[in-house]
Amino acid sequence: MIDLLFIRHAPTAWNDEGRLQGQTDIPLSAAGRVQAGRWRAPLEFGEATWIASPLSRCIETARLMGAEPDIEPALTEMDWGDWEGRKLPDLRQELGASLTRNEDRGIDFRPEGGESPREVMARLKEWLQTLDYEPSPYVAVTHKGVIRAALALATDWPMLGKAPSKAPHGTGQWLRLDEDGTLSVIELDMPLTDGGDDL
């Protein structure tokens, strides 16, 4: 079996503004850099192999946490296509019932010109099959959409109704991959150890 800790990158300015980032390479905000510098992986992942999405906000988060990650394209955020940089409330006002119908498709939801969660799940599952079954666990610094895809694989959540976790910043999602390819949840929303003094 393989233990994996999925960590969402620290905040960016677009996170603070409520904009859809997708695969747009937005760096961490100044406040996000401070947060990431204070985060540490739980003790269970002290000797882990670190892997990150190629987007700078994930690489920088890993480095600020004291790791030099390998880069894995499969961990890139979901492609939001023409909607990247937009805000969901604005899209809901503009698109109305058509967006509601799209969201009601769950894992088959697709932004205009973008990628569906089902496609993210497929590339994530393909990557999981390449991991070595060795004693060292893995830490994957990635994005909310990828973490949602992992949780959908682990729980059969169809991306309708309440999510198993909102994958908040400053937490890790501990999942386990068995040799038969089954992904399961060990612990959700694990707080990342604060590595600094209170600000």
Protein backbone atom coordinates (compact mmCIF):
# COMPACT_ATOMS: atom_id res chain seq x y z
CA MET A 1 0.00 0.00 0.00
CA ILE A 2 1.00 3.63 -0.47
CA ASP A 3 0.04 6.51 1.80
CA LEU A 4 -0.47 9.85 0.09
CA LEU A 5 -1.02 13.28 1.58
CA PHE A 6 -2.70 15.69 -0.81
CA ILE A 7 -2.02 19.33 0.07
CA ARG A 8 -3.70 22.28 -1.61
CA HIS A 9 -1.28 25.09 -2.47
CA ALA A 10 -1.26 28.23 -0.31
CA PRO A 11 -3.51 31.14 -1.32
CA THR A 12 -3.04 33.43 -4.31
CA ALA A 13 -4.53 36.82 -5.12
CA TRP A 14 -7.07 35.09 -7.37
CA ASN A 15 -8.11 32.86 -4.46
CA ASP A 16 -8.73 35.97 -2.39
CA GLU A 17 -10.74 37.52 -5.24
CA GLY A 18 -12.79 34.36 -5.84
CA ARG A 19 -11.51 33.90 -9.40
CA LEU A 20 -11.30 30.54 -11.18
CA GLN A 21 -7.60 29.86 -11.63
CA GLY A 22 -7.52 26.55 -13.46
CA GLN A 23 -4.26 26.17 -15.35
CA THR A 24 -3.44 29.89 -15.36
CA ASP A 25 -0.09 30.16 -13.59
CA ILE A 26 -0.93 32.53 -10.74
CA PRO A 27 1.82 32.86 -8.08
CA LEU A 28 1.25 32.82 -4.34
CA SER A 29 0.24 36.08 -2.75
CA ALA A 30 2.46 37.65 -0.10
CA ALA A 31 0.09 36.37 2.58
CA GLY A 32 0.11 32.93 0.93
CA ARG A 33 3.90 32.79 1.11
CA VAL A 34 3.77 33.58 4.82
CA GLN A 35 1.21 30.83 5.37
CA ALA A 36 3.13 28.21 3.39
CA GLY A 37 6.32 29.05 5.27
CA ARG A 38 4.57 28.12 8.49
CA TRP A 39 3.12 24.83 7.28
CA ARG A 40 4.74 21.45 7.91
CA ALA A 41 3.62 17.99 6.89
CA PRO A 42 2.25 15.77 9.68
CA LEU A 43 4.79 13.51 11.37
CA GLU A 44 3.47 10.48 9.47
CA PHE A 45 4.87 12.09 6.31
CA GLY A 46 8.19 13.25 7.70
CA GLU A 47 10.21 11.06 5.29
CA ALA A 48 7.92 11.41 2.31
CA THR A 49 8.71 11.82 -1.37
CA TRP A 50 7.35 15.21 -2.45
CA ILE A 51 5.61 15.76 -5.79
CA ALA A 52 4.01 18.95 -7.10
CA SER A 53 1.91 20.26 -9.93
CA PRO A 54 4.01 22.16 -12.49
CA LEU A 55 2.18 25.41 -11.66
CA SER A 56 4.31 27.83 -9.66
CA ARG A 57 1.86 28.18 -6.77
CA CYS A 58 2.32 24.48 -5.94
CA ILE A 59 6.09 24.36 -6.45
CA GLU A 60 6.54 27.44 -4.27
CA THR A 61 4.29 26.01 -1.55
CA ALA A 62 6.38 22.82 -1.42
CA ARG A 63 9.63 24.76 -1.30
CA LEU A 64 8.37 27.04 1.45
CA MET A 65 7.46 23.90 3.39
CA GLY A 66 11.08 22.79 3.12
CA ALA A 67 10.87 20.31 0.23
CA GLU A 68 12.21 20.21 -3.32
CA PRO A 69 9.42 18.40 -5.18
CA ASP A 70 9.44 16.28 -8.29
CA ILE A 71 7.11 17.75 -10.91
CA GLU A 72 4.09 15.78 -12.10
CA PRO A 73 1.83 17.13 -14.90
CA ALA A 74 -1.05 14.87 -13.80
CA LEU A 75 -1.35 17.02 -10.66
CA THR A 76 -2.11 20.18 -12.69
CA GLU A 77 -5.39 21.87 -11.86
CA MET A 78 -8.52 21.20 -13.89
CA ASP A 79 -8.63 23.26 -17.09
CA TRP A 80 -11.40 25.85 -16.72
CA GLY A 81 -11.05 26.95 -20.34
CA ASP A 82 -12.75 30.23 -21.22
CA TRP A 83 -13.86 30.72 -17.62
CA GLU A 84 -10.38 31.10 -16.11
CA GLY A 85 -10.11 34.43 -14.36
CA ARG A 86 -13.89 34.71 -14.02
CA LYS A 87 -15.96 34.63 -10.81
CA LEU A 88 -18.68 32.00 -10.34
CA PRO A 89 -21.35 34.52 -9.20
CA ASP A 90 -20.78 36.47 -12.42
CA LEU A 91 -21.00 33.30 -14.50
CA ARG A 92 -24.21 32.26 -12.74
CA GLN A 93 -25.76 35.65 -13.47
CA GLU A 94 -24.62 35.53 -17.09
CA LEU A 95 -25.40 31.88 -17.90
CA GLY A 96 -28.36 31.25 -15.61
CA ALA A 97 -30.12 27.91 -16.02
CA SER A 98 -27.56 26.54 -18.49
CA LEU A 99 -24.84 26.71 -15.83
CA THR A 100 -27.14 25.04 -13.30
CA ARG A 101 -27.80 22.19 -15.72
CA ASN A 102 -24.06 21.88 -16.34
CA GLU A 103 -23.28 21.77 -12.60
CA ASP A 104 -25.98 19.12 -12.14
CA ARG A 105 -23.90 16.80 -14.34
CA GLY A 106 -21.48 16.25 -11.42
CA ILE A 107 -18.26 14.64 -12.60
CA ASP A 108 -19.29 15.33 -16.20
CA PHE A 109 -19.56 19.09 -15.62
CA ARG A 110 -17.51 20.92 -18.22
CA PRO A 111 -16.58 24.63 -18.35
CA GLU A 112 -16.61 26.23 -21.78
CA GLY A 113 -13.45 25.14 -23.58
CA GLY A 114 -12.20 23.28 -20.51
CA GLU A 115 -11.92 19.89 -18.86
CA SER A 116 -14.41 17.77 -16.93
CA PRO A 117 -13.74 16.37 -13.44
CA ARG A 118 -14.06 12.90 -14.97
CA GLU A 119 -11.07 13.69 -17.19
CA VAL A 120 -9.09 14.91 -14.17
CA MET A 121 -9.96 11.66 -12.38
CA ALA A 122 -8.73 9.66 -15.37
CA ARG A 123 -5.33 11.34 -15.52
CA LEU A 124 -4.98 11.15 -11.74
CA LYS A 125 -5.81 7.44 -11.74
CA GLU A 126 -3.28 6.83 -14.51
CA TRP A 127 -0.59 8.61 -12.46
CA LEU A 128 -1.45 6.65 -9.31
CA GLN A 129 -0.78 3.44 -11.22
CA THR A 130 2.82 4.56 -11.84
CA LEU A 131 3.73 5.02 -8.15
CA ASP A 132 6.24 2.66 -6.58
CA TYR A 133 5.05 0.59 -3.63
CA GLU A 134 7.82 1.43 -1.23
CA PRO A 135 7.94 2.26 2.49
CA SER A 136 8.28 6.00 1.92
CA PRO A 137 4.91 7.81 1.63
CA TYR A 138 4.17 10.62 -0.81
CA VAL A 139 3.14 14.25 -0.37
CA ALA A 140 1.41 15.74 -3.41
CA VAL A 141 1.12 19.54 -3.50
CA THR A 142 -1.69 20.23 -5.90
CA HIS A 143 -5.02 22.02 -6.41
CA LYS A 144 -8.56 21.89 -5.10
CA GLY A 145 -9.91 20.36 -8.32
CA VAL A 146 -7.35 17.56 -8.25
CA ILE A 147 -8.04 16.87 -4.57
CA ARG A 148 -11.78 16.73 -5.33
CA ALA A 149 -11.00 14.21 -8.08
CA ALA A 150 -8.97 12.11 -5.64
CA LEU A 151 -11.79 12.18 -3.10
CA ALA A 152 -14.27 11.17 -5.80
CA LEU A 153 -12.07 8.18 -6.64
CA ALA A 154 -11.72 7.26 -2.95
CA THR A 155 -15.38 7.62 -1.96
CA ASP A 156 -17.41 7.24 -5.16
CA TRP A 157 -18.65 10.79 -4.59
CA PRO A 158 -20.33 11.88 -7.86
CA MET A 159 -19.52 15.56 -7.24
CA LEU A 160 -23.13 16.24 -6.39
CA GLY A 161 -24.25 17.31 -2.94
CA LYS A 162 -21.88 17.82 -0.03
CA ALA A 163 -18.21 17.12 -0.71
CA PRO A 164 -16.26 14.81 1.63
CA SER A 165 -13.97 17.81 2.22
CA LYS A 166 -13.72 21.37 0.94
CA ALA A 167 -9.91 20.91 0.90
CA PRO A 168 -9.26 24.15 2.78
CA HIS A 169 -5.85 25.77 2.67
CA GLY A 170 -3.60 24.65 5.52
CA THR A 171 -4.88 21.08 5.62
CA GLY A 172 -3.87 17.74 4.14
CA GLN A 173 -6.02 14.87 2.89
CA TRP A 174 -4.54 11.48 3.80
CA LEU A 175 -5.48 8.78 1.31
CA ARG A 176 -4.21 5.24 0.87
CA LEU A 177 -3.63 3.36 -2.38
CA ASP A 178 -3.82 -0.43 -2.17
CA GLU A 179 -2.00 -2.72 -4.56
CA ASP A 180 -5.24 -3.52 -6.38
CA GLY A 181 -5.53 0.19 -7.28
CA THR A 182 -8.23 0.98 -4.71
CA LEU A 183 -7.96 4.46 -3.19
CA SER A 184 -9.44 5.01 0.27
CA VAL A 185 -9.66 7.76 2.89
CA ILE A 186 -7.58 7.56 6.06
CA GLU A 187 -8.06 11.08 7.45
CA LEU A 188 -9.39 14.32 6.00
CA ASP A 189 -8.57 17.95 6.78
CA MET A 190 -5.44 17.17 8.80
CA PRO A 191 -4.04 20.51 10.03
CA LEU A 192 -0.55 21.25 8.79
CA THR A 193 1.80 21.74 11.70
CA ASP A 194 2.56 25.40 12.33
CA GLY A 195 6.31 25.77 11.91
CA GLY A 196 6.62 29.31 13.23
CA ASP A 197 5.68 31.63 16.04
CA ASP A 198 2.22 33.15 16.11
CA LEU A 199 1.98 36.32 14.07
